[in-house]
PDB file of N, CA and C in Angstrom:
ATOM      1  N   UNK A   1     -16.488  17.519 -19.474  1.00  0.00           N
ATOM      2  CA  UNK A   1     -17.239  16.635 -20.448  1.00  0.00           C
ATOM      3  C   UNK A   1     -18.457  16.621 -20.987  1.00  0.00           C
ATOM      4  N   UNK A   2     -19.058  18.154 -19.678  1.00  0.00           N
ATOM      5  CA  UNK A   2     -20.550  18.528 -19.930  1.00  0.00           C
ATOM      6  C   UNK A   2     -20.666  18.839 -21.236  1.00  0.00           C
ATOM      7  N   UNK A   3     -20.254  19.603 -21.838  1.00  0.00           N
ATOM      8  CA  UNK A   3     -19.812  20.936 -22.488  1.00  0.00           C
ATOM      9  C   UNK A   3     -19.281  19.861 -23.854  1.00  0.00           C
ATOM     10  N   UNK A   4     -18.755  19.097 -23.845  1.00  0.00           N
ATOM     11  CA  UNK A   4     -17.981  18.781 -24.664  1.00  0.00           C
ATOM     12  C   UNK A   4     -19.467  17.268 -25.338  1.00  0.00           C
ATOM     13  N   UNK A   5     -20.180  17.064 -24.897  1.00  0.00           N
ATOM     14  CA  UNK A   5     -21.076  15.905 -24.961  1.00  0.00           C
ATOM     15  C   UNK A   5     -22.189  16.983 -25.702  1.00  0.00           C
ATOM     16  N   UNK A   6     -22.526  18.036 -25.081  1.00  0.00           N
ATOM     17  CA  UNK A   6     -23.633  18.713 -25.717  1.00  0.00           C
ATOM     18  C   UNK A   6     -23.338  18.927 -26.907  1.00  0.00           C
ATOM     19  N   UNK A   7     -22.046  19.969 -26.875  1.00  0.00           N
ATOM     20  CA  UNK A   7     -21.267  20.229 -28.869  1.00  0.00           C
ATOM     21  C   UNK A   7     -21.716  19.443 -29.482  1.00  0.00           C
ATOM     22  N   UNK A   8     -20.813  18.011 -29.306  1.00  0.00           N
ATOM     23  CA  UNK A   8     -21.332  16.821 -30.116  1.00  0.00           C
ATOM     24  C   UNK A   8     -23.286  16.459 -30.263  1.00  0.00           C
ATOM     25  N   UNK A   9     -23.862  16.633 -29.533  1.00  0.00           N
ATOM     26  CA  UNK A   9     -24.929  15.885 -29.531  1.00  0.00           C
ATOM     27  C   UNK A   9     -25.714  17.359 -30.377  1.00  0.00           C
ATOM     28  N   UNK A  10     -24.893  19.011 -29.987  1.00  0.00           N
ATOM     29  CA  UNK A  10     -25.678  19.531 -31.239  1.00  0.00           C
ATOM     30  C   UNK A  10     -25.301  19.503 -32.985  1.00  0.00           C
ATOM     31  N   UNK A  11     -23.853  18.677 -32.800  1.00  0.00           N
ATOM     32  CA  UNK A  11     -23.694  18.812 -34.340  1.00  0.00           C
ATOM     33  C   UNK A  11     -24.232  17.886 -34.782  1.00  0.00           C
ATOM     34  N   UNK A  12     -24.602  17.030 -34.176  1.00  0.00           N
ATOM     35  CA  UNK A  12     -25.152  15.840 -34.535  1.00  0.00           C
ATOM     36  C   UNK A  12     -27.331  16.211 -34.826  1.00  0.00           C
ATOM     37  N   UNK A  13     -27.327  17.214 -34.015  1.00  0.00           N
ATOM     38  CA  UNK A  13     -28.838  17.603 -34.286  1.00  0.00           C
ATOM     39  C   UNK A  13     -28.554  18.292 -35.559  1.00  0.00           C
ATOM     40  N   UNK A  14     -27.843  19.131 -35.823  1.00  0.00           N
ATOM     41  CA  UNK A  14     -27.391  20.434 -36.756  1.00  0.00           C
ATOM     42  C   UNK A  14     -27.308  19.591 -37.888  1.00  0.00           C
ATOM     43  N   UNK A  15     -26.627  18.094 -38.057  1.00  0.00           N
ATOM     44  CA  UNK A  15     -26.623  17.219 -39.026  1.00  0.00           C
ATOM     45  C   UNK A  15     -28.114  16.908 -39.955  1.00  0.00           C
ATOM     46  N   UNK A  16     -28.815  16.921 -38.581  1.00  0.00           N
ATOM     47  CA  UNK A  16     -29.781  16.068 -39.283  1.00  0.00           C
ATOM     48  C   UNK A  16     -31.624  16.935 -39.811  1.00  0.00           C
ATOM     49  N   UNK A  17     -30.566  18.574 -39.146  1.00  0.00           N
ATOM     50  CA  UNK A  17     -31.577  19.358 -40.050  1.00  0.00           C
ATOM     51  C   UNK A  17     -31.104  19.983 -41.189  1.00  0.00           C
ATOM     52  N   UNK A  18     -30.031  20.597 -41.316  1.00  0.00           N
ATOM     53  CA  UNK A  18     -29.339  20.543 -42.445  1.00  0.00           C
ATOM     54  C   UNK A  18     -29.479  19.269 -43.581  1.00  0.00           C
ATOM     55  N   UNK A  19     -29.577  18.114 -43.374  1.00  0.00           N
ATOM     56  CA  UNK A  19     -29.484  17.576 -44.410  1.00  0.00           C
ATOM     57  C   UNK A  19     -30.810  17.105 -44.998  1.00  0.00           C
ATOM     58  N   UNK A  20     -31.805  17.568 -44.038  1.00  0.00           N
ATOM     59  CA  UNK A  20     -33.392  17.391 -44.444  1.00  0.00           C
ATOM     60  C   UNK A  20     -33.699  18.781 -44.891  1.00  0.00           C
ATOM     61  N   UNK A  21     -32.813  19.841 -44.548  1.00  0.00           N
ATOM     62  CA  UNK A  21     -33.307  21.241 -45.439  1.00  0.00           C
ATOM     63  C   UNK A  21     -32.822  20.853 -46.764  1.00  0.00           C
ATOM     64  N   UNK A  22     -31.659  20.688 -47.122  1.00  0.00           N
ATOM     65  CA  UNK A  22     -30.746  20.481 -47.875  1.00  0.00           C
ATOM     66  C   UNK A  22     -30.945  19.118 -49.287  1.00  0.00           C
ATOM     67  N   UNK A  23     -31.641  17.949 -48.587  1.00  0.00           N
ATOM     68  CA  UNK A  23     -31.955  17.325 -49.384  1.00  0.00           C
ATOM     69  C   UNK A  23     -32.541  16.902 -50.860  1.00  0.00           C
ATOM     70  N   UNK A  24     -33.334  17.828 -50.787  1.00  0.00           N
ATOM     71  CA  UNK A  24     -34.235  18.634 -52.425  1.00  0.00           C
ATOM     72  C   UNK A  24     -33.383  18.561 -53.413  1.00  0.00           C
ATOM     73  N   UNK A  25     -32.363  19.563 -52.751  1.00  0.00           N
ATOM     74  CA  UNK A  25     -31.546  20.145 -53.648  1.00  0.00           C
ATOM     75  C   UNK A  25     -29.861  18.956 -53.648  1.00  0.00           C
ATOM     76  N   UNK A  26     -30.643  18.196 -53.133  1.00  0.00           N
ATOM     77  CA  UNK A  26     -29.379  16.986 -53.809  1.00  0.00           C
ATOM     78  C   UNK A  26     -27.921  17.070 -52.982  1.00  0.00           C
ATOM     79  N   UNK A  27     -27.976  18.014 -52.041  1.00  0.00           N
ATOM     80  CA  UNK A  27     -27.078  18.000 -51.202  1.00  0.00           C
ATOM     81  C   UNK A  27     -26.935  17.546 -50.038  1.00  0.00           C
ATOM     82  N   UNK A  28     -25.508  16.513 -49.474  1.00  0.00           N
ATOM     83  CA  UNK A  28     -25.480  15.972 -48.457  1.00  0.00           C
ATOM     84  C   UNK A  28     -25.091  16.243 -47.107  1.00  0.00           C
ATOM     85  N   UNK A  29     -25.188  15.371 -46.088  1.00  0.00           N
ATOM     86  CA  UNK A  29     -25.115  16.476 -45.317  1.00  0.00           C
ATOM     87  C   UNK A  29     -24.578  15.218 -44.127  1.00  0.00           C
ATOM     88  N   UNK A  30     -23.835  15.024 -43.693  1.00  0.00           N
ATOM     89  CA  UNK A  30     -22.767  14.085 -42.807  1.00  0.00           C
ATOM     90  C   UNK A  30     -22.262  14.389 -41.705  1.00  0.00           C
ATOM     91  N   UNK A  31     -22.275  13.709 -40.880  1.00  0.00           N
ATOM     92  CA  UNK A  31     -21.490  14.017 -39.317  1.00  0.00           C
ATOM     93  C   UNK A  31     -20.230  12.712 -39.089  1.00  0.00           C
ATOM     94  N   UNK A  32     -18.871  12.988 -39.512  1.00  0.00           N
ATOM     95  CA  UNK A  32     -18.073  12.283 -39.087  1.00  0.00           C
ATOM     96  C   UNK A  32     -17.971  12.424 -37.351  1.00  0.00           C
ATOM     97  N   UNK A  33     -17.673  11.504 -36.844  1.00  0.00           N
ATOM     98  CA  UNK A  33     -17.367  11.602 -35.427  1.00  0.00           C
ATOM     99  C   UNK A  33     -16.422  11.117 -34.722  1.00  0.00           C
ATOM    100  N   UNK A  34     -15.152  11.483 -34.845  1.00  0.00           N
ATOM    101  CA  UNK A  34     -14.099  10.925 -34.650  1.00  0.00           C
ATOM    102  C   UNK A  34     -13.781  10.330 -33.455  1.00  0.00           C
ATOM    103  N   UNK A  35     -12.948   9.200 -32.363  1.00  0.00           N
ATOM    104  CA  UNK A  35     -12.842   8.836 -31.452  1.00  0.00           C
ATOM    105  C   UNK A  35     -11.431   9.626 -31.088  1.00  0.00           C
ATOM    106  N   UNK A  36     -10.962   8.977 -30.583  1.00  0.00           N
ATOM    107  CA  UNK A  36      -9.374   9.513 -29.516  1.00  0.00           C
ATOM    108  C   UNK A  36      -8.486   9.010 -30.525  1.00  0.00           C
ATOM    109  N   UNK A  37      -8.454   9.962 -31.584  1.00  0.00           N
ATOM    110  CA  UNK A  37      -6.933  10.581 -32.486  1.00  0.00           C
ATOM    111  C   UNK A  37      -5.567  10.276 -32.001  1.00  0.00           C
ATOM    112  N   UNK A  38      -4.706   9.053 -32.694  1.00  0.00           N
ATOM    113  CA  UNK A  38      -3.532   9.466 -32.142  1.00  0.00           C
ATOM    114  C   UNK A  38      -1.757  10.002 -32.909  1.00  0.00           C
ATOM    115  N   UNK A  39      -3.060  11.798 -32.766  1.00  0.00           N
ATOM    116  CA  UNK A  39      -2.382  12.903 -33.628  1.00  0.00           C
ATOM    117  C   UNK A  39      -0.331  13.239 -33.640  1.00  0.00           C
ATOM    118  N   UNK A  40      -0.146  13.315 -34.066  1.00  0.00           N
ATOM    119  CA  UNK A  40       1.388  13.951 -33.562  1.00  0.00           C
ATOM    120  C   UNK A  40       1.873  14.429 -32.769  1.00  0.00           C
ATOM    121  N   UNK A  41       0.287  15.519 -31.988  1.00  0.00           N
ATOM    122  CA  UNK A  41       0.037  16.207 -30.675  1.00  0.00           C
ATOM    123  C   UNK A  41      -0.124  15.661 -29.972  1.00  0.00           C
ATOM    124  N   UNK A  42      -1.086  14.626 -29.749  1.00  0.00           N
ATOM    125  CA  UNK A  42      -0.844  13.906 -29.057  1.00  0.00           C
ATOM    126  C   UNK A  42       0.160  13.155 -28.374  1.00  0.00           C
ATOM    127  N   UNK A  43       0.848  11.924 -29.301  1.00  0.00           N
ATOM    128  CA  UNK A  43       1.808  11.498 -28.693  1.00  0.00           C
ATOM    129  C   UNK A  43       3.288  12.864 -28.016  1.00  0.00           C
ATOM    130  N   UNK A  44       2.915  14.085 -28.773  1.00  0.00           N
ATOM    131  CA  UNK A  44       3.896  14.982 -27.759  1.00  0.00           C
ATOM    132  C   UNK A  44       3.390  15.159 -26.471  1.00  0.00           C
ATOM    133  N   UNK A  45       1.926  15.570 -26.613  1.00  0.00           N
ATOM    134  CA  UNK A  45       1.651  16.010 -24.990  1.00  0.00           C
ATOM    135  C   UNK A  45       1.988  15.083 -24.173  1.00  0.00           C
ATOM    136  N   UNK A  46       1.328  13.381 -24.581  1.00  0.00           N
ATOM    137  CA  UNK A  46       1.804  12.652 -23.756  1.00  0.00           C
ATOM    138  C   UNK A  46       3.600  12.453 -23.427  1.00  0.00           C
ATOM    139  N   UNK A  47       4.487  12.674 -24.263  1.00  0.00           N
ATOM    140  CA  UNK A  47       5.514  12.746 -23.954  1.00  0.00           C
ATOM    141  C   UNK A  47       5.530  13.385 -22.879  1.00  0.00           C
ATOM    142  N   UNK A  48       5.611  15.111 -23.236  1.00  0.00           N
ATOM    143  CA  UNK A  48       5.514  15.520 -22.373  1.00  0.00           C
ATOM    144  C   UNK A  48       4.816  15.579 -20.571  1.00  0.00           C
ATOM    145  N   UNK A  49       4.097  14.791 -20.873  1.00  0.00           N
ATOM    146  CA  UNK A  49       3.407  14.527 -18.953  1.00  0.00           C
ATOM    147  C   UNK A  49       4.125  13.059 -18.798  1.00  0.00           C
ATOM    148  N   UNK A  50       4.828  12.463 -19.587  1.00  0.00           N
ATOM    149  CA  UNK A  50       5.816  11.703 -18.737  1.00  0.00           C
ATOM    150  C   UNK A  50       5.410  10.512 -19.545  1.00  0.00           C
ATOM    151  N   UNK A  51       4.329  10.345 -20.231  1.00  0.00           N
ATOM    152  CA  UNK A  51       4.321   8.793 -20.636  1.00  0.00           C
ATOM    153  C   UNK A  51       5.364   8.620 -21.660  1.00  0.00           C
ATOM    154  N   UNK A  52       5.657   6.770 -21.529  1.00  0.00           N
ATOM    155  CA  UNK A  52       6.377   6.194 -22.085  1.00  0.00           C
ATOM    156  C   UNK A  52       5.930   6.513 -23.893  1.00  0.00           C
ATOM    157  N   UNK A  53       7.025   6.392 -24.784  1.00  0.00           N
ATOM    158  CA  UNK A  53       6.469   6.436 -26.622  1.00  0.00           C
ATOM    159  C   UNK A  53       5.335   5.399 -26.955  1.00  0.00           C
ATOM    160  N   UNK A  54       6.397   3.940 -26.295  1.00  0.00           N
ATOM    161  CA  UNK A  54       5.280   3.395 -26.515  1.00  0.00           C
ATOM    162  C   UNK A  54       3.179   3.222 -25.908  1.00  0.00           C
ATOM    163  N   UNK A  55       3.038   4.312 -25.334  1.00  0.00           N
ATOM    164  CA  UNK A  55       1.954   3.996 -24.409  1.00  0.00           C
ATOM    165  C   UNK A  55       0.880   4.446 -25.100  1.00  0.00           C
ATOM    166  N   UNK A  56       0.566   5.545 -25.715  1.00  0.00           N
ATOM    167  CA  UNK A  56      -0.886   4.820 -27.094  1.00  0.00           C
ATOM    168  C   UNK A  56      -0.696   4.010 -28.071  1.00  0.00           C
ATOM    169  N   UNK A  57       0.184   3.596 -27.882  1.00  0.00           N
ATOM    170  CA  UNK A  57       0.200   1.359 -28.492  1.00  0.00           C
ATOM    171  C   UNK A  57      -0.938   0.614 -27.924  1.00  0.00           C
ATOM    172  N   UNK A  58      -0.018   1.089 -26.698  1.00  0.00           N
ATOM    173  CA  UNK A  58      -0.611  -0.053 -25.351  1.00  0.00           C
ATOM    174  C   UNK A  58      -2.211  -0.179 -25.462  1.00  0.00           C
ATOM    175  N   UNK A  59      -2.259   1.324 -25.335  1.00  0.00           N
ATOM    176  CA  UNK A  59      -3.769   1.599 -25.157  1.00  0.00           C
ATOM    177  C   UNK A  59      -4.432   1.439 -26.402  1.00  0.00           C
ATOM    178  N   UNK A  60      -3.820   1.424 -27.282  1.00  0.00           N
ATOM    179  CA  UNK A  60      -4.638   0.773 -28.439  1.00  0.00           C
ATOM    180  C   UNK A  60      -4.665  -0.835 -28.622  1.00  0.00           C
ATOM    181  N   UNK A  61      -3.540  -1.343 -28.283  1.00  0.00           N
ATOM    182  CA  UNK A  61      -3.701  -2.870 -28.108  1.00  0.00           C
ATOM    183  C   UNK A  61      -4.809  -3.432 -27.142  1.00  0.00           C
ATOM    184  N   UNK A  62      -4.987  -2.400 -26.143  1.00  0.00           N
ATOM    185  CA  UNK A  62      -5.498  -3.171 -24.668  1.00  0.00           C
ATOM    186  C   UNK A  62      -6.775  -2.574 -24.542  1.00  0.00           C
ATOM    187  N   UNK A  63      -7.397  -1.435 -24.829  1.00  0.00           N
ATOM    188  CA  UNK A  63      -8.493  -1.013 -25.342  1.00  0.00           C
ATOM    189  C   UNK A  63      -9.365  -0.642 -25.787  1.00  0.00           C
ATOM    190  N   UNK A  64      -9.068  -0.942 -27.066  1.00  0.00           N
ATOM    191  CA  UNK A  64     -10.182  -0.486 -27.980  1.00  0.00           C
ATOM    192  C   UNK A  64     -10.092  -1.788 -29.378  1.00  0.00           C
ATOM    193  N   UNK A  65     -11.422  -2.106 -29.181  1.00  0.00           N
ATOM    194  CA  UNK A  65     -12.033  -3.527 -29.797  1.00  0.00           C
ATOM    195  C   UNK A  65     -11.452  -3.456 -31.281  1.00  0.00           C
ATOM    196  N   UNK A  66     -11.077  -2.758 -31.937  1.00  0.00           N
ATOM    197  CA  UNK A  66     -10.259  -2.854 -33.287  1.00  0.00           C
ATOM    198  C   UNK A  66      -9.258  -3.312 -33.102  1.00  0.00           C
ATOM    199  N   UNK A  67      -8.328  -3.159 -31.772  1.00  0.00           N
ATOM    200  CA  UNK A  67      -6.761  -3.641 -31.530  1.00  0.00           C
ATOM    201  C   UNK A  67      -5.616  -2.439 -31.652  1.00  0.00           C
ATOM    202  N   UNK A  68      -6.268  -0.824 -32.360  1.00  0.00           N
ATOM    203  CA  UNK A  68      -5.180  -0.027 -32.084  1.00  0.00           C
ATOM    204  C   UNK A  68      -6.249   1.124 -32.237  1.00  0.00           C
ATOM    205  N   UNK A  69      -5.012   2.225 -31.863  1.00  0.00           N
ATOM    206  CA  UNK A  69      -6.023   3.732 -31.911  1.00  0.00           C
ATOM    207  C   UNK A  69      -6.072   4.020 -33.206  1.00  0.00           C
ATOM    208  N   UNK A  70      -6.523   5.214 -33.894  1.00  0.00           N
ATOM    209  CA  UNK A  70      -6.771   5.367 -35.266  1.00  0.00           C
ATOM    210  C   UNK A  70      -5.729   6.238 -35.303  1.00  0.00           C
ATOM    211  N   UNK A  71      -5.605   6.670 -36.351  1.00  0.00           N
ATOM    212  CA  UNK A  71      -4.571   8.146 -36.641  1.00  0.00           C
ATOM    213  C   UNK A  71      -5.277   8.953 -37.465  1.00  0.00           C
ATOM    214  N   UNK A  72      -4.921   9.942 -38.250  1.00  0.00           N
ATOM    215  CA  UNK A  72      -5.487  11.247 -38.246  1.00  0.00           C
ATOM    216  C   UNK A  72      -6.000  10.670 -39.593  1.00  0.00           C
ATOM    217  N   UNK A  73      -4.718   9.676 -40.622  1.00  0.00           N
ATOM    218  CA  UNK A  73      -5.694   9.463 -41.922  1.00  0.00           C
ATOM    219  C   UNK A  73      -6.920   8.598 -41.963  1.00  0.00           C
ATOM    220  N   UNK A  74      -7.394   7.615 -40.781  1.00  0.00           N
ATOM    221  CA  UNK A  74      -8.631   6.669 -40.437  1.00  0.00           C
ATOM    222  C   UNK A  74      -9.670   7.863 -40.461  1.00  0.00           C
ATOM    223  N   UNK A  75      -9.460   8.733 -40.456  1.00  0.00           N
ATOM    224  CA  UNK A  75     -10.333   9.996 -40.185  1.00  0.00           C
ATOM    225  C   UNK A  75     -10.680  10.512 -41.862  1.00  0.00           C
ATOM    226  N   UNK A  76      -9.328  11.089 -41.926  1.00  0.00           N
ATOM    227  CA  UNK A  76      -9.831  11.515 -43.397  1.00  0.00           C
ATOM    228  C   UNK A  76      -9.890  10.676 -44.508  1.00  0.00           C
ATOM    229  N   UNK A  77      -9.789   8.892 -44.196  1.00  0.00           N
ATOM    230  CA  UNK A  77     -10.136   7.995 -45.222  1.00  0.00           C
ATOM    231  C   UNK A  77     -11.880   8.457 -45.184  1.00  0.00           C
ATOM    232  N   UNK A  78     -12.862   8.621 -44.313  1.00  0.00           N
ATOM    233  CA  UNK A  78     -14.018   8.927 -44.407  1.00  0.00           C
ATOM    234  C   UNK A  78     -14.764   9.671 -44.958  1.00  0.00           C
ATOM    235  N   UNK A  79     -13.722  10.926 -44.660  1.00  0.00           N
ATOM    236  CA  UNK A  79     -13.848  11.962 -45.524  1.00  0.00           C
ATOM    237  C   UNK A  79     -13.857  11.691 -46.661  1.00  0.00           C
ATOM    238  N   UNK A  80     -13.150  11.346 -47.269  1.00  0.00           N
ATOM    239  CA  UNK A  80     -13.120  11.203 -48.989  1.00  0.00           C
ATOM    240  C   UNK A  80     -14.244  10.272 -49.889  1.00  0.00           C
ATOM    241  N   UNK A  81     -14.382   9.549 -48.070  1.00  0.00           N
ATOM    242  CA  UNK A  81     -15.338   8.428 -49.082  1.00  0.00           C
ATOM    243  C   UNK A  81     -16.727   9.581 -48.869  1.00  0.00           C
ATOM    244  N   UNK A  82     -16.849   9.772 -48.024  1.00  0.00           N
ATOM    245  CA  UNK A  82     -18.440  10.945 -48.139  1.00  0.00           C
ATOM    246  C   UNK A  82     -18.296  12.152 -49.016  1.00  0.00           C
ATOM    247  N   UNK A  83     -17.292  12.101 -49.345  1.00  0.00           N
ATOM    248  CA  UNK A  83     -17.279  13.469 -50.503  1.00  0.00           C
ATOM    249  C   UNK A  83     -17.392  12.879 -51.873  1.00  0.00           C
ATOM    250  N   UNK A  84     -17.124  11.656 -52.167  1.00  0.00           N
ATOM    251  CA  UNK A  84     -17.340  10.813 -53.028  1.00  0.00           C
ATOM    252  C   UNK A  84     -18.973  10.001 -53.424  1.00  0.00           C
ATOM    253  N   UNK A  85     -18.540  10.005 -55.438  1.00  0.00           N
ATOM    254  CA  UNK A  85     -19.805   9.235 -55.236  1.00  0.00           C
ATOM    255  C   UNK A  85     -20.123   8.418 -54.922  1.00  0.00           C
ATOM    256  N   UNK A  86     -19.452   7.764 -54.541  1.00  0.00           N
ATOM    257  CA  UNK A  86     -20.078   5.773 -53.872  1.00  0.00           C
ATOM    258  C   UNK A  86     -20.508   6.177 -52.951  1.00  0.00           C
ATOM    259  N   UNK A  87     -21.103   7.481 -51.987  1.00  0.00           N
ATOM    260  CA  UNK A  87     -21.223   7.682 -50.536  1.00  0.00           C
ATOM    261  C   UNK A  87     -22.752   8.353 -51.324  1.00  0.00           C
ATOM    262  N   UNK A  88     -23.480   8.484 -52.817  1.00  0.00           N
ATOM    263  CA  UNK A  88     -24.021   9.462 -53.117  1.00  0.00           C
ATOM    264  C   UNK A  88     -25.657   9.694 -52.125  1.00  0.00           C
ATOM    265  N   UNK A  89     -25.812   8.454 -52.125  1.00  0.00           N
ATOM    266  CA  UNK A  89     -27.082   7.791 -51.464  1.00  0.00           C
ATOM    267  C   UNK A  89     -27.009   8.062 -49.815  1.00  0.00           C
ATOM    268  N   UNK A  90     -26.104   8.690 -49.270  1.00  0.00           N
ATOM    269  CA  UNK A  90     -25.489   8.900 -48.031  1.00  0.00           C
ATOM    270  C   UNK A  90     -25.794  10.223 -47.328  1.00  0.00           C
ATOM    271  N   UNK A  91     -27.486  10.000 -46.434  1.00  0.00           N
ATOM    272  CA  UNK A  91     -27.082  11.673 -46.078  1.00  0.00           C
ATOM    273  C   UNK A  91     -27.824  11.955 -44.771  1.00  0.00           C
ATOM    274  N   UNK A  92     -27.767  12.558 -43.637  1.00  0.00           N
ATOM    275  CA  UNK A  92     -28.237  12.359 -42.503  1.00  0.00           C
ATOM    276  C   UNK A  92     -27.575  11.282 -41.662  1.00  0.00           C
ATOM    277  N   UNK A  93     -26.290  11.176 -41.757  1.00  0.00           N
ATOM    278  CA  UNK A  93     -25.489   9.868 -41.167  1.00  0.00           C
ATOM    279  C   UNK A  93     -24.684  10.542 -40.375  1.00  0.00           C
ATOM    280  N   UNK A  94     -24.403   9.739 -39.322  1.00  0.00           N
ATOM    281  CA  UNK A  94     -23.197   9.730 -38.320  1.00  0.00           C
ATOM    282  C   UNK A  94     -22.898   8.386 -38.426  1.00  0.00           C
ATOM    283  N   UNK A  95     -20.599   9.348 -38.517  1.00  0.00           N
ATOM    284  CA  UNK A  95     -20.006   8.030 -39.118  1.00  0.00           C
ATOM    285  C   UNK A  95     -18.984   8.212 -38.386  1.00  0.00           C
ATOM    286  N   UNK A  96     -19.616   7.111 -37.171  1.00  0.00           N
ATOM    287  CA  UNK A  96     -18.546   6.833 -36.451  1.00  0.00           C
ATOM    288  C   UNK A  96     -17.210   6.435 -36.488  1.00  0.00           C
ATOM    289  N   UNK A  97     -15.439   7.090 -36.941  1.00  0.00           N
ATOM    290  CA  UNK A  97     -14.643   6.173 -37.289  1.00  0.00           C
ATOM    291  C   UNK A  97     -13.860   6.469 -35.563  1.00  0.00           C
ATOM    292  N   UNK A  98     -13.941   5.541 -34.870  1.00  0.00           N
ATOM    293  CA  UNK A  98     -13.190   5.634 -33.216  1.00  0.00           C
ATOM    294  C   UNK A  98     -12.964   4.235 -32.966  1.00  0.00           C
ATOM    295  N   UNK A  99     -12.609   2.704 -34.165  1.00  0.00           N
ATOM    296  CA  UNK A  99     -12.162   1.595 -34.109  1.00  0.00           C
ATOM    297  C   UNK A  99     -13.143   0.722 -33.476  1.00  0.00           C
ATOM    298  N   UNK A 100     -14.229   1.093 -33.385  1.00  0.00           N
ATOM    299  CA  UNK A 100     -15.362   0.794 -32.197  1.00  0.00           C
ATOM    300  C   UNK A 100     -15.632   1.070 -31.206  1.00  0.00           C
ATOM    301  N   UNK A 101     -14.707   2.161 -30.461  1.00  0.00           N
ATOM    302  CA  UNK A 101     -15.292   2.483 -28.796  1.00  0.00           C
ATOM    303  C   UNK A 101     -16.388   2.620 -28.730  1.00  0.00           C
ATOM    304  N   UNK A 102     -17.511   3.176 -30.016  1.00  0.00           N
ATOM    305  CA  UNK A 102     -18.910   3.652 -29.694  1.00  0.00           C
ATOM    306  C   UNK A 102     -19.538   2.364 -29.312  1.00  0.00           C
ATOM    307  N   UNK A 103     -19.230   1.059 -29.281  1.00  0.00           N
ATOM    308  CA  UNK A 103     -19.949   0.065 -29.146  1.00  0.00           C
ATOM    309  C   UNK A 103     -19.400  -0.309 -27.634  1.00  0.00           C
ATOM    310  N   UNK A 104     -18.587  -0.036 -27.534  1.00  0.00           N
ATOM    311  CA  UNK A 104     -18.832  -0.462 -25.573  1.00  0.00           C
ATOM    312  C   UNK A 104     -18.813   0.838 -24.814  1.00  0.00           C
ATOM    313  N   UNK A 105     -18.760   1.824 -25.165  1.00  0.00           N
ATOM    314  CA  UNK A 105     -19.327   3.189 -24.301  1.00  0.00           C
ATOM    315  C   UNK A 105     -20.760   2.991 -23.740  1.00  0.00           C
TER     316      UNK A 105
END
């Protein structure tokens, strides 16, 4: 977890510096910080480890503030928003797409 945490911190610092550098050219730089994504790979991996198919759903209901794990689509929707004109005034923003998990950790 040490290397993972350091890498995430580095990405955030890079985002801030790039946003500061390129804002005068109207180039936006933002950081999507996804939480635990219930991807097809994750489901298959858990199956191989012997977990029941509904284990991930149960984890989402029990431990996630929003009541479910996120899907790849949740992160994709955030990316579409940040790429759209609706976010034209956002730069140097960290968007936590984690179902509220960052609030309790």
